[in-house]
Amino acid sequence: LNFAPAVLAVPDGVDVRKVDLSIELQILAYHEQRKAHDAGDPA
């Protein structure tokens, strides 16, 4: 389980799950931006 902001290279047979909090926040920022756009805020 990888919390580090890095992509890991591992051999076959090793499972990696990545948790990147900054990416999740950026996705939320995108959705907030779209909501504002839909509400008519050009800024």
PDB file of all heavy atoms in Angstrom:
ATOM      1  N   LEU A   1       0.874  -1.169   0.000  1.00  0.00           N
ATOM      2  CA  LEU A   1       0.000   0.000   0.000  1.00  0.00           C
ATOM      3  C   LEU A   1       0.912   1.220   0.000  1.00  0.00           C
ATOM      4  O   LEU A   1       1.646   1.446   0.962  1.00  0.00           O
ATOM      5  CB  LEU A   1      -0.910   0.002   1.230  1.00  0.00           C
ATOM      6  CG  LEU A   1      -1.893   1.169   1.354  1.00  0.00           C
ATOM      7  CD1 LEU A   1      -2.852   1.202   0.177  1.00  0.00           C
ATOM      8  CD2 LEU A   1      -2.671   1.073   2.668  1.00  0.00           C
ATOM      9  N   ASN A   2       0.866   1.986  -1.077  1.00  0.00           N
ATOM     10  CA  ASN A   2       1.825   3.078  -1.275  1.00  0.00           C
ATOM     11  C   ASN A   2       1.172   4.435  -1.088  1.00  0.00           C
ATOM     12  O   ASN A   2       0.299   4.834  -1.848  1.00  0.00           O
ATOM     13  CB  ASN A   2       2.431   2.985  -2.683  1.00  0.00           C
ATOM     14  CG  ASN A   2       3.401   4.112  -2.951  1.00  0.00           C
ATOM     15  OD1 ASN A   2       4.067   4.596  -2.040  1.00  0.00           O
ATOM     16  ND2 ASN A   2       3.474   4.548  -4.199  1.00  0.00           N
ATOM     17  N   PHE A   3       1.602   5.168  -0.061  1.00  0.00           N
ATOM     18  CA  PHE A   3       1.134   6.531   0.178  1.00  0.00           C
ATOM     19  C   PHE A   3       2.120   7.567  -0.365  1.00  0.00           C
ATOM     20  O   PHE A   3       1.825   8.755  -0.343  1.00  0.00           O
ATOM     21  CB  PHE A   3       0.937   6.766   1.677  1.00  0.00           C
ATOM     22  CG  PHE A   3      -0.309   6.129   2.240  1.00  0.00           C
ATOM     23  CD1 PHE A   3      -0.275   4.841   2.734  1.00  0.00           C
ATOM     24  CD2 PHE A   3      -1.513   6.818   2.270  1.00  0.00           C
ATOM     25  CE1 PHE A   3      -1.410   4.240   3.254  1.00  0.00           C
ATOM     26  CE2 PHE A   3      -2.656   6.231   2.785  1.00  0.00           C
ATOM     27  CZ  PHE A   3      -2.610   4.939   3.278  1.00  0.00           C
ATOM     28  N   ALA A   4       3.290   7.135  -0.786  1.00  0.00           N
ATOM     29  CA  ALA A   4       4.289   8.067  -1.309  1.00  0.00           C
ATOM     30  C   ALA A   4       3.871   8.561  -2.691  1.00  0.00           C
ATOM     31  O   ALA A   4       3.323   7.799  -3.488  1.00  0.00           O
ATOM     32  CB  ALA A   4       5.656   7.387  -1.393  1.00  0.00           C
ATOM     33  N   PRO A   5       4.117   9.838  -2.986  1.00  0.00           N
ATOM     34  CA  PRO A   5       3.752  10.383  -4.307  1.00  0.00           C
ATOM     35  C   PRO A   5       4.733   9.936  -5.381  1.00  0.00           C
ATOM     36  O   PRO A   5       5.483  10.732  -5.941  1.00  0.00           O
ATOM     37  CB  PRO A   5       3.794  11.895  -4.081  1.00  0.00           C
ATOM     38  CG  PRO A   5       4.815  12.072  -3.002  1.00  0.00           C
ATOM     39  CD  PRO A   5       4.673  10.878  -2.096  1.00  0.00           C
ATOM     40  N   ALA A   6       4.748   8.645  -5.648  1.00  0.00           N
ATOM     41  CA  ALA A   6       5.677   8.077  -6.626  1.00  0.00           C
ATOM     42  C   ALA A   6       5.057   6.829  -7.236  1.00  0.00           C
ATOM     43  O   ALA A   6       4.302   6.120  -6.566  1.00  0.00           O
ATOM     44  CB  ALA A   6       7.001   7.727  -5.954  1.00  0.00           C
ATOM     45  N   VAL A   7       5.373   6.589  -8.494  1.00  0.00           N
ATOM     46  CA  VAL A   7       4.925   5.376  -9.172  1.00  0.00           C
ATOM     47  C   VAL A   7       5.987   4.301  -8.958  1.00  0.00           C
ATOM     48  O   VAL A   7       7.158   4.516  -9.267  1.00  0.00           O
ATOM     49  CB  VAL A   7       4.706   5.625 -10.675  1.00  0.00           C
ATOM     50  CG1 VAL A   7       4.327   4.325 -11.378  1.00  0.00           C
ATOM     51  CG2 VAL A   7       3.634   6.683 -10.886  1.00  0.00           C
ATOM     52  N   LEU A   8       5.575   3.153  -8.438  1.00  0.00           N
ATOM     53  CA  LEU A   8       6.514   2.093  -8.106  1.00  0.00           C
ATOM     54  C   LEU A   8       6.597   1.058  -9.229  1.00  0.00           C
ATOM     55  O   LEU A   8       5.582   0.681  -9.816  1.00  0.00           O
ATOM     56  CB  LEU A   8       6.090   1.402  -6.812  1.00  0.00           C
ATOM     57  CG  LEU A   8       5.980   2.283  -5.571  1.00  0.00           C
ATOM     58  CD1 LEU A   8       5.514   1.447  -4.376  1.00  0.00           C
ATOM     59  CD2 LEU A   8       7.308   2.966  -5.264  1.00  0.00           C
ATOM     60  N   ALA A   9       7.800   0.603  -9.498  1.00  0.00           N
ATOM     61  CA  ALA A   9       8.019  -0.503 -10.437  1.00  0.00           C
ATOM     62  C   ALA A   9       8.239  -1.768  -9.614  1.00  0.00           C
ATOM     63  O   ALA A   9       9.180  -1.833  -8.814  1.00  0.00           O
ATOM     64  CB  ALA A   9       9.229  -0.216 -11.314  1.00  0.00           C
ATOM     65  N   VAL A  10       7.369  -2.735  -9.798  1.00  0.00           N
ATOM     66  CA  VAL A  10       7.474  -3.994  -9.053  1.00  0.00           C
ATOM     67  C   VAL A  10       7.320  -5.161 -10.020  1.00  0.00           C
ATOM     68  O   VAL A  10       6.710  -5.017 -11.086  1.00  0.00           O
ATOM     69  CB  VAL A  10       6.394  -4.092  -7.948  1.00  0.00           C
ATOM     70  CG1 VAL A  10       6.578  -2.992  -6.906  1.00  0.00           C
ATOM     71  CG2 VAL A  10       4.993  -4.042  -8.540  1.00  0.00           C
ATOM     72  N   PRO A  11       7.849  -6.319  -9.674  1.00  0.00           N
ATOM     73  CA  PRO A  11       7.733  -7.481 -10.571  1.00  0.00           C
ATOM     74  C   PRO A  11       6.327  -8.060 -10.582  1.00  0.00           C
ATOM     75  O   PRO A  11       5.490  -7.744  -9.715  1.00  0.00           O
ATOM     76  CB  PRO A  11       8.740  -8.471  -9.971  1.00  0.00           C
ATOM     77  CG  PRO A  11       8.854  -8.086  -8.536  1.00  0.00           C
ATOM     78  CD  PRO A  11       8.672  -6.602  -8.489  1.00  0.00           C
ATOM     79  N   ASP A  12       6.073  -8.911 -11.558  1.00  0.00           N
ATOM     80  CA  ASP A  12       4.799  -9.622 -11.617  1.00  0.00           C
ATOM     81  C   ASP A  12       4.612 -10.423 -10.332  1.00  0.00           C
ATOM     82  O   ASP A  12       5.566 -10.970  -9.773  1.00  0.00           O
ATOM     83  CB  ASP A  12       4.770 -10.574 -12.814  1.00  0.00           C
ATOM     84  CG  ASP A  12       4.726  -9.832 -14.134  1.00  0.00           C
ATOM     85  OD1 ASP A  12       4.371  -8.633 -14.132  1.00  0.00           O
ATOM     86  OD2 ASP A  12       5.054 -10.446 -15.169  1.00  0.00           O
ATOM     87  N   GLY A  13       3.372 -10.466  -9.880  1.00  0.00           N
ATOM     88  CA  GLY A  13       3.072 -11.201  -8.662  1.00  0.00           C
ATOM     89  C   GLY A  13       3.041 -10.331  -7.424  1.00  0.00           C
ATOM     90  O   GLY A  13       2.651 -10.791  -6.344  1.00  0.00           O
ATOM     91  N   VAL A  14       3.441  -9.064  -7.569  1.00  0.00           N
ATOM     92  CA  VAL A  14       3.378  -8.115  -6.462  1.00  0.00           C
ATOM     93  C   VAL A  14       2.279  -7.098  -6.750  1.00  0.00           C
ATOM     94  O   VAL A  14       2.268  -6.474  -7.821  1.00  0.00           O
ATOM     95  CB  VAL A  14       4.726  -7.387  -6.260  1.00  0.00           C
ATOM     96  CG1 VAL A  14       4.612  -6.335  -5.148  1.00  0.00           C
ATOM     97  CG2 VAL A  14       5.823  -8.389  -5.935  1.00  0.00           C
ATOM     98  N   ASP A  15       1.348  -6.959  -5.846  1.00  0.00           N
ATOM     99  CA  ASP A  15       0.230  -6.026  -6.010  1.00  0.00           C
ATOM    100  C   ASP A  15       0.526  -4.721  -5.288  1.00  0.00           C
ATOM    101  O   ASP A  15       0.966  -4.723  -4.133  1.00  0.00           O
ATOM    102  CB  ASP A  15      -1.065  -6.628  -5.454  1.00  0.00           C
ATOM    103  CG  ASP A  15      -1.518  -7.844  -6.251  1.00  0.00           C
ATOM    104  OD1 ASP A  15      -1.677  -7.703  -7.469  1.00  0.00           O
ATOM    105  OD2 ASP A  15      -1.700  -8.913  -5.650  1.00  0.00           O
ATOM    106  N   VAL A  16       0.278  -3.607  -5.979  1.00  0.00           N
ATOM    107  CA  VAL A  16       0.477  -2.284  -5.386  1.00  0.00           C
ATOM    108  C   VAL A  16      -0.828  -1.507  -5.475  1.00  0.00           C
ATOM    109  O   VAL A  16      -1.446  -1.425  -6.540  1.00  0.00           O
ATOM    110  CB  VAL A  16       1.587  -1.495  -6.114  1.00  0.00           C
ATOM    111  CG1 VAL A  16       1.681  -0.069  -5.550  1.00  0.00           C
ATOM    112  CG2 VAL A  16       2.923  -2.208  -5.984  1.00  0.00           C
ATOM    113  N   ARG A  17      -1.237  -0.949  -4.332  1.00  0.00           N
ATOM    114  CA  ARG A  17      -2.373  -0.036  -4.293  1.00  0.00           C
ATOM    115  C   ARG A  17      -1.819   1.328  -3.906  1.00  0.00           C
ATOM    116  O   ARG A  17      -1.121   1.466  -2.907  1.00  0.00           O
ATOM    117  CB  ARG A  17      -3.413  -0.481  -3.265  1.00  0.00           C
ATOM    118  CG  ARG A  17      -4.037  -1.832  -3.542  1.00  0.00           C
ATOM    119  CD  ARG A  17      -4.981  -1.806  -4.719  1.00  0.00           C
ATOM    120  NE  ARG A  17      -6.123  -0.941  -4.486  1.00  0.00           N
ATOM    121  CZ  ARG A  17      -7.128  -0.774  -5.364  1.00  0.00           C
ATOM    122  NH1 ARG A  17      -7.091  -1.393  -6.522  1.00  0.00           N
ATOM    123  NH2 ARG A  17      -8.142   0.017  -5.088  1.00  0.00           N
ATOM    124  N   LYS A  18      -2.128   2.342  -4.721  1.00  0.00           N
ATOM    125  CA  LYS A  18      -1.596   3.679  -4.481  1.00  0.00           C
ATOM    126  C   LYS A  18      -2.671   4.595  -3.919  1.00  0.00           C
ATOM    127  O   LYS A  18      -3.791   4.643  -4.441  1.00  0.00           O
ATOM    128  CB  LYS A  18      -1.032   4.259  -5.777  1.00  0.00           C
ATOM    129  CG  LYS A  18      -0.439   5.659  -5.627  1.00  0.00           C
ATOM    130  CD  LYS A  18       0.267   6.086  -6.889  1.00  0.00           C
ATOM    131  CE  LYS A  18       0.736   7.534  -6.814  1.00  0.00           C
ATOM    132  NZ  LYS A  18       1.584   7.795  -5.650  1.00  0.00           N
ATOM    133  N   VAL A  19      -2.330   5.301  -2.861  1.00  0.00           N
ATOM    134  CA  VAL A  19      -3.224   6.280  -2.268  1.00  0.00           C
ATOM    135  C   VAL A  19      -2.530   7.636  -2.369  1.00  0.00           C
ATOM    136  O   VAL A  19      -1.513   7.870  -1.719  1.00  0.00           O
ATOM    137  CB  VAL A  19      -3.527   5.969  -0.785  1.00  0.00           C
ATOM    138  CG1 VAL A  19      -4.468   7.019  -0.206  1.00  0.00           C
ATOM    139  CG2 VAL A  19      -4.107   4.576  -0.639  1.00  0.00           C
ATOM    140  N   ASP A  20      -3.061   8.522  -3.221  1.00  0.00           N
ATOM    141  CA  ASP A  20      -2.463   9.842  -3.406  1.00  0.00           C
ATOM    142  C   ASP A  20      -3.498  10.896  -3.038  1.00  0.00           C
ATOM    143  O   ASP A  20      -4.424  11.173  -3.805  1.00  0.00           O
ATOM    144  CB  ASP A  20      -1.998  10.026  -4.854  1.00  0.00           C
ATOM    145  CG  ASP A  20      -1.110  11.250  -5.033  1.00  0.00           C
ATOM    146  OD1 ASP A  20      -1.400  12.279  -4.398  1.00  0.00           O
ATOM    147  OD2 ASP A  20      -0.126  11.169  -5.796  1.00  0.00           O
ATOM    148  N   LEU A  21      -3.353  11.466  -1.847  1.00  0.00           N
ATOM    149  CA  LEU A  21      -4.342  12.416  -1.353  1.00  0.00           C
ATOM    150  C   LEU A  21      -4.389  13.686  -2.203  1.00  0.00           C
ATOM    151  O   LEU A  21      -5.458  14.265  -2.399  1.00  0.00           O
ATOM    152  CB  LEU A  21      -4.036  12.767   0.106  1.00  0.00           C
ATOM    153  CG  LEU A  21      -4.028  11.592   1.079  1.00  0.00           C
ATOM    154  CD1 LEU A  21      -3.713  12.069   2.490  1.00  0.00           C
ATOM    155  CD2 LEU A  21      -5.361  10.858   1.066  1.00  0.00           C
ATOM    156  N   SER A  22      -3.230  14.117  -2.725  1.00  0.00           N
ATOM    157  CA  SER A  22      -3.216  15.340  -3.524  1.00  0.00           C
ATOM    158  C   SER A  22      -3.994  15.155  -4.822  1.00  0.00           C
ATOM    159  O   SER A  22      -4.694  16.072  -5.277  1.00  0.00           O
ATOM    160  CB  SER A  22      -1.778  15.767  -3.830  1.00  0.00           C
ATOM    161  OG  SER A  22      -1.126  14.808  -4.646  1.00  0.00           O
ATOM    162  N   ILE A  23      -3.903  13.969  -5.425  1.00  0.00           N
ATOM    163  CA  ILE A  23      -4.666  13.706  -6.651  1.00  0.00           C
ATOM    164  C   ILE A  23      -6.158  13.716  -6.355  1.00  0.00           C
ATOM    165  O   ILE A  23      -6.958  14.272  -7.120  1.00  0.00           O
ATOM    166  CB  ILE A  23      -4.227  12.372  -7.274  1.00  0.00           C
ATOM    167  CG1 ILE A  23      -2.847  12.523  -7.918  1.00  0.00           C
ATOM    168  CG2 ILE A  23      -5.246  11.901  -8.315  1.00  0.00           C
ATOM    169  CD1 ILE A  23      -2.306  11.257  -8.532  1.00  0.00           C
ATOM    170  N   GLU A  24      -6.550  13.104  -5.233  1.00  0.00           N
ATOM    171  CA  GLU A  24      -7.971  13.093  -4.873  1.00  0.00           C
ATOM    172  C   GLU A  24      -8.482  14.519  -4.672  1.00  0.00           C
ATOM    173  O   GLU A  24      -9.598  14.855  -5.085  1.00  0.00           O
ATOM    174  CB  GLU A  24      -8.186  12.267  -3.605  1.00  0.00           C
ATOM    175  CG  GLU A  24      -7.819  10.795  -3.747  1.00  0.00           C
ATOM    176  CD  GLU A  24      -8.567  10.109  -4.872  1.00  0.00           C
ATOM    177  OE1 GLU A  24      -9.755  10.409  -5.077  1.00  0.00           O
ATOM    178  OE2 GLU A  24      -7.956   9.267  -5.560  1.00  0.00           O
ATOM    179  N   LEU A  25      -7.677  15.379  -4.041  1.00  0.00           N
ATOM    180  CA  LEU A  25      -8.077  16.768  -3.841  1.00  0.00           C
ATOM    181  C   LEU A  25      -8.177  17.504  -5.175  1.00  0.00           C
ATOM    182  O   LEU A  25      -9.083  18.322  -5.384  1.00  0.00           O
ATOM    183  CB  LEU A  25      -7.085  17.475  -2.925  1.00  0.00           C
ATOM    184  CG  LEU A  25      -7.176  17.123  -1.439  1.00  0.00           C
ATOM    185  CD1 LEU A  25      -6.005  17.708  -0.673  1.00  0.00           C
ATOM    186  CD2 LEU A  25      -8.496  17.615  -0.834  1.00  0.00           C
ATOM    187  N   GLN A  26      -7.268  17.212  -6.092  1.00  0.00           N
ATOM    188  CA  GLN A  26      -7.320  17.858  -7.401  1.00  0.00           C
ATOM    189  C   GLN A  26      -8.567  17.437  -8.172  1.00  0.00           C
ATOM    190  O   GLN A  26      -9.171  18.240  -8.887  1.00  0.00           O
ATOM    191  CB  GLN A  26      -6.056  17.522  -8.184  1.00  0.00           C
ATOM    192  CG  GLN A  26      -4.816  18.228  -7.650  1.00  0.00           C
ATOM    193  CD  GLN A  26      -3.538  17.702  -8.261  1.00  0.00           C
ATOM    194  OE1 GLN A  26      -3.531  17.218  -9.389  1.00  0.00           O
ATOM    195  NE2 GLN A  26      -2.448  17.774  -7.511  1.00  0.00           N
ATOM    196  N   ILE A  27      -8.966  16.182  -8.026  1.00  0.00           N
ATOM    197  CA  ILE A  27     -10.198  15.722  -8.677  1.00  0.00           C
ATOM    198  C   ILE A  27     -11.396  16.464  -8.105  1.00  0.00           C
ATOM    199  O   ILE A  27     -12.303  16.895  -8.836  1.00  0.00           O
ATOM    200  CB  ILE A  27     -10.351  14.199  -8.501  1.00  0.00           C
ATOM    201  CG1 ILE A  27      -9.269  13.462  -9.300  1.00  0.00           C
ATOM    202  CG2 ILE A  27     -11.739  13.736  -8.949  1.00  0.00           C
ATOM    203  CD1 ILE A  27      -9.191  11.975  -9.029  1.00  0.00           C
ATOM    204  N   LEU A  28     -11.399  16.637  -6.775  1.00  0.00           N
ATOM    205  CA  LEU A  28     -12.483  17.395  -6.144  1.00  0.00           C
ATOM    206  C   LEU A  28     -12.475  18.846  -6.620  1.00  0.00           C
ATOM    207  O   LEU A  28     -13.535  19.447  -6.844  1.00  0.00           O
ATOM    208  CB  LEU A  28     -12.358  17.337  -4.621  1.00  0.00           C
ATOM    209  CG  LEU A  28     -12.676  15.991  -3.977  1.00  0.00           C
ATOM    210  CD1 LEU A  28     -12.401  16.045  -2.480  1.00  0.00           C
ATOM    211  CD2 LEU A  28     -14.131  15.590  -4.218  1.00  0.00           C
ATOM    212  N   ALA A  29     -11.273  19.428  -6.779  1.00  0.00           N
ATOM    213  CA  ALA A  29     -11.173  20.799  -7.270  1.00  0.00           C
ATOM    214  C   ALA A  29     -11.771  20.917  -8.669  1.00  0.00           C
ATOM    215  O   ALA A  29     -12.448  21.900  -8.990  1.00  0.00           O
ATOM    216  CB  ALA A  29      -9.710  21.247  -7.275  1.00  0.00           C
ATOM    217  N   TYR A  30     -11.521  19.904  -9.497  1.00  0.00           N
ATOM    218  CA  TYR A  30     -12.101  19.901 -10.844  1.00  0.00           C
ATOM    219  C   TYR A  30     -13.625  19.942 -10.777  1.00  0.00           C
ATOM    220  O   TYR A  30     -14.275  20.734 -11.470  1.00  0.00           O
ATOM    221  CB  TYR A  30     -11.653  18.661 -11.619  1.00  0.00           C
ATOM    222  CG  TYR A  30     -12.480  18.405 -12.859  1.00  0.00           C
ATOM    223  CD1 TYR A  30     -12.240  19.123 -14.027  1.00  0.00           C
ATOM    224  CD2 TYR A  30     -13.513  17.470 -12.851  1.00  0.00           C
ATOM    225  CE1 TYR A  30     -13.013  18.902 -15.161  1.00  0.00           C
ATOM    226  CE2 TYR A  30     -14.284  17.248 -13.980  1.00  0.00           C
ATOM    227  CZ  TYR A  30     -14.032  17.973 -15.133  1.00  0.00           C
ATOM    228  OH  TYR A  30     -14.805  17.775 -16.244  1.00  0.00           O
ATOM    229  N   HIS A  31     -14.191  19.082  -9.915  1.00  0.00           N
ATOM    230  CA  HIS A  31     -15.651  19.043  -9.810  1.00  0.00           C
ATOM    231  C   HIS A  31     -16.208  20.353  -9.252  1.00  0.00           C
ATOM    232  O   HIS A  31     -17.266  20.817  -9.686  1.00  0.00           O
ATOM    233  CB  HIS A  31     -16.077  17.858  -8.948  1.00  0.00           C
ATOM    234  CG  HIS A  31     -15.887  16.534  -9.623  1.00  0.00           C
ATOM    235  ND1 HIS A  31     -16.588  16.173 -10.755  1.00  0.00           N
ATOM    236  CD2 HIS A  31     -15.065  15.491  -9.345  1.00  0.00           C
ATOM    237  CE1 HIS A  31     -16.220  14.967 -11.145  1.00  0.00           C
ATOM    238  NE2 HIS A  31     -15.291  14.533 -10.306  1.00  0.00           N
ATOM    239  N   GLU A  32     -15.495  20.968  -8.315  1.00  0.00           N
ATOM    240  CA  GLU A  32     -15.940  22.261  -7.792  1.00  0.00           C
ATOM    241  C   GLU A  32     -15.916  23.318  -8.887  1.00  0.00           C
ATOM    242  O   GLU A  32     -16.811  24.165  -8.987  1.00  0.00           O
ATOM    243  CB  GLU A  32     -15.051  22.687  -6.621  1.00  0.00           C
ATOM    244  CG  GLU A  32     -15.305  21.926  -5.337  1.00  0.00           C
ATOM    245  CD  GLU A  32     -16.746  22.058  -4.877  1.00  0.00           C
ATOM    246  OE1 GLU A  32     -17.277  23.193  -4.837  1.00  0.00           O
ATOM    247  OE2 GLU A  32     -17.372  21.020  -4.591  1.00  0.00           O
ATOM    248  N   GLN A  33     -14.881  23.265  -9.720  1.00  0.00           N
ATOM    249  CA  GLN A  33     -14.789  24.205 -10.832  1.00  0.00           C
ATOM    250  C   GLN A  33     -15.940  24.032 -11.804  1.00  0.00           C
ATOM    251  O   GLN A  33     -16.527  25.009 -12.279  1.00  0.00           O
ATOM    252  CB  GLN A  33     -13.454  23.995 -11.551  1.00  0.00           C
ATOM    253  CG  GLN A  33     -13.222  24.925 -12.731  1.00  0.00           C
ATOM    254  CD  GLN A  33     -11.829  24.772 -13.283  1.00  0.00           C
ATOM    255  OE1 GLN A  33     -10.917  25.463 -12.859  1.00  0.00           O
ATOM    256  NE2 GLN A  33     -11.663  23.840 -14.215  1.00  0.00           N
ATOM    257  N   ARG A  34     -16.288  22.756 -12.086  1.00  0.00           N
ATOM    258  CA  ARG A  34     -17.403  22.504 -13.015  1.00  0.00           C
ATOM    259  C   ARG A  34     -18.724  22.978 -12.422  1.00  0.00           C
ATOM    260  O   ARG A  34     -19.571  23.521 -13.126  1.00  0.00           O
ATOM    261  CB  ARG A  34     -17.477  21.006 -13.343  1.00  0.00           C
ATOM    262  CG  ARG A  34     -16.268  20.430 -14.055  1.00  0.00           C
ATOM    263  CD  ARG A  34     -15.815  21.274 -15.228  1.00  0.00           C
ATOM    264  NE  ARG A  34     -16.884  21.528 -16.196  1.00  0.00           N
ATOM    265  CZ  ARG A  34     -16.802  22.362 -17.212  1.00  0.00           C
ATOM    266  NH1 ARG A  34     -15.689  23.063 -17.386  1.00  0.00           N
ATOM    267  NH2 ARG A  34     -17.804  22.512 -18.045  1.00  0.00           N
ATOM    268  N   LYS A  35     -18.897  22.799 -11.100  1.00  0.00           N
ATOM    269  CA  LYS A  35     -20.123  23.291 -10.447  1.00  0.00           C
ATOM    270  C   LYS A  35     -20.241  24.802 -10.587  1.00  0.00           C
ATOM    271  O   LYS A  35     -21.317  25.339 -10.856  1.00  0.00           O
ATOM    272  CB  LYS A  35     -20.133  22.905  -8.970  1.00  0.00           C
ATOM    273  CG  LYS A  35     -20.257  21.426  -8.681  1.00  0.00           C
ATOM    274  CD  LYS A  35     -20.085  21.173  -7.182  1.00  0.00           C
ATOM    275  CE  LYS A  35     -19.876  19.716  -6.871  1.00  0.00           C
ATOM    276  NZ  LYS A  35     -19.545  19.495  -5.441  1.00  0.00           N
ATOM    277  N   ALA A  36     -19.113  25.488 -10.379  1.00  0.00           N
ATOM    278  CA  ALA A  36     -19.122  26.948 -10.489  1.00  0.00           C
ATOM    279  C   ALA A  36     -19.441  27.372 -11.920  1.00  0.00           C
ATOM    280  O   ALA A  36     -20.177  28.331 -12.153  1.00  0.00           O
ATOM    281  CB  ALA A  36     -17.772  27.512 -10.052  1.00  0.00           C
ATOM    282  N   HIS A  37     -18.882  26.636 -12.882  1.00  0.00           N
ATOM    283  CA  HIS A  37     -19.163  26.939 -14.292  1.00  0.00           C
ATOM    284  C   HIS A  37     -20.644  26.761 -14.596  1.00  0.00           C
ATOM    285  O   HIS A  37     -21.276  27.591 -15.245  1.00  0.00           O
ATOM    286  CB  HIS A  37     -18.329  26.037 -15.187  1.00  0.00           C
ATOM    287  CG  HIS A  37     -18.684  26.146 -16.646  1.00  0.00           C
ATOM    288  ND1 HIS A  37     -19.563  25.270 -17.259  1.00  0.00           N
ATOM    289  CD2 HIS A  37     -18.306  27.044 -17.597  1.00  0.00           C
ATOM    290  CE1 HIS A  37     -19.702  25.614 -18.522  1.00  0.00           C
ATOM    291  NE2 HIS A  37     -18.947  26.676 -18.750  1.00  0.00           N
ATOM    292  N   ASP A  38     -21.204  25.658 -14.112  1.00  0.00           N
ATOM    293  CA  ASP A  38     -22.621  25.389 -14.358  1.00  0.00           C
ATOM    294  C   ASP A  38     -23.511  26.420 -13.683  1.00  0.00           C
ATOM    295  O   ASP A  38     -24.639  26.666 -14.110  1.00  0.00           O
ATOM    296  CB  ASP A  38     -22.990  23.987 -13.865  1.00  0.00           C
ATOM    297  CG  ASP A  38     -22.324  22.897 -14.688  1.00  0.00           C
ATOM    298  OD1 ASP A  38     -21.873  23.201 -15.817  1.00  0.00           O
ATOM    299  OD2 ASP A  38     -22.234  21.748 -14.202  1.00  0.00           O
ATOM    300  N   ALA A  39     -22.985  27.030 -12.598  1.00  0.00           N
ATOM    301  CA  ALA A  39     -23.750  28.057 -11.893  1.00  0.00           C
ATOM    302  C   ALA A  39     -23.577  29.427 -12.530  1.00  0.00           C
ATOM    303  O   ALA A  39     -24.161  30.414 -12.075  1.00  0.00           O
ATOM    304  CB  ALA A  39     -23.320  28.111 -10.430  1.00  0.00           C
ATOM    305  N   GLY A  40     -22.727  29.501 -13.588  1.00  0.00           N
ATOM    306  CA  GLY A  40     -22.578  30.750 -14.325  1.00  0.00           C
ATOM    307  C   GLY A  40     -21.477  31.658 -13.847  1.00  0.00           C
ATOM    308  O   GLY A  40     -21.515  32.869 -14.093  1.00  0.00           O
ATOM    309  N   ASP A  41     -20.469  31.103 -13.159  1.00  0.00           N
ATOM    310  CA  ASP A  41     -19.353  31.917 -12.677  1.00  0.00           C
ATOM    311  C   ASP A  41     -18.197  31.796 -13.660  1.00  0.00           C
ATOM    312  O   ASP A  41     -17.451  30.818 -13.640  1.00  0.00           O
ATOM    313  CB  ASP A  41     -18.915  31.439 -11.290  1.00  0.00           C
ATOM    314  CG  ASP A  41     -17.754  32.263 -10.731  1.00  0.00           C
ATOM    315  OD1 ASP A  41     -17.352  33.221 -11.411  1.00  0.00           O
ATOM    316  OD2 ASP A  41     -17.259  31.931  -9.638  1.00  0.00           O
ATOM    317  N   PRO A  42     -17.980  32.788 -14.555  1.00  0.00           N
ATOM    318  CA  PRO A  42     -16.934  32.671 -15.578  1.00  0.00           C
ATOM    319  C   PRO A  42     -15.536  32.648 -14.989  1.00  0.00           C
ATOM    320  O   PRO A  42     -14.606  32.109 -15.592  1.00  0.00           O
ATOM    321  CB  PRO A  42     -17.142  33.908 -16.448  1.00  0.00           C
ATOM    322  CG  PRO A  42     -17.839  34.890 -15.547  1.00  0.00           C
ATOM    323  CD  PRO A  42     -18.714  34.053 -14.657  1.00  0.00           C
ATOM    324  N   ALA A  43     -15.352  33.212 -13.796  1.00  0.00           N
ATOM    325  CA  ALA A  43     -14.018  33.249 -13.188  1.00  0.00           C
ATOM    326  C   ALA A  43     -13.536  31.869 -12.792  1.00  0.00           C
ATOM    327  O   ALA A  43     -12.346  31.671 -12.564  1.00  0.00           O
ATOM    328  CB  ALA A  43     -14.030  34.152 -11.963  1.00  0.00           C
TER     329      ALA A  43
END
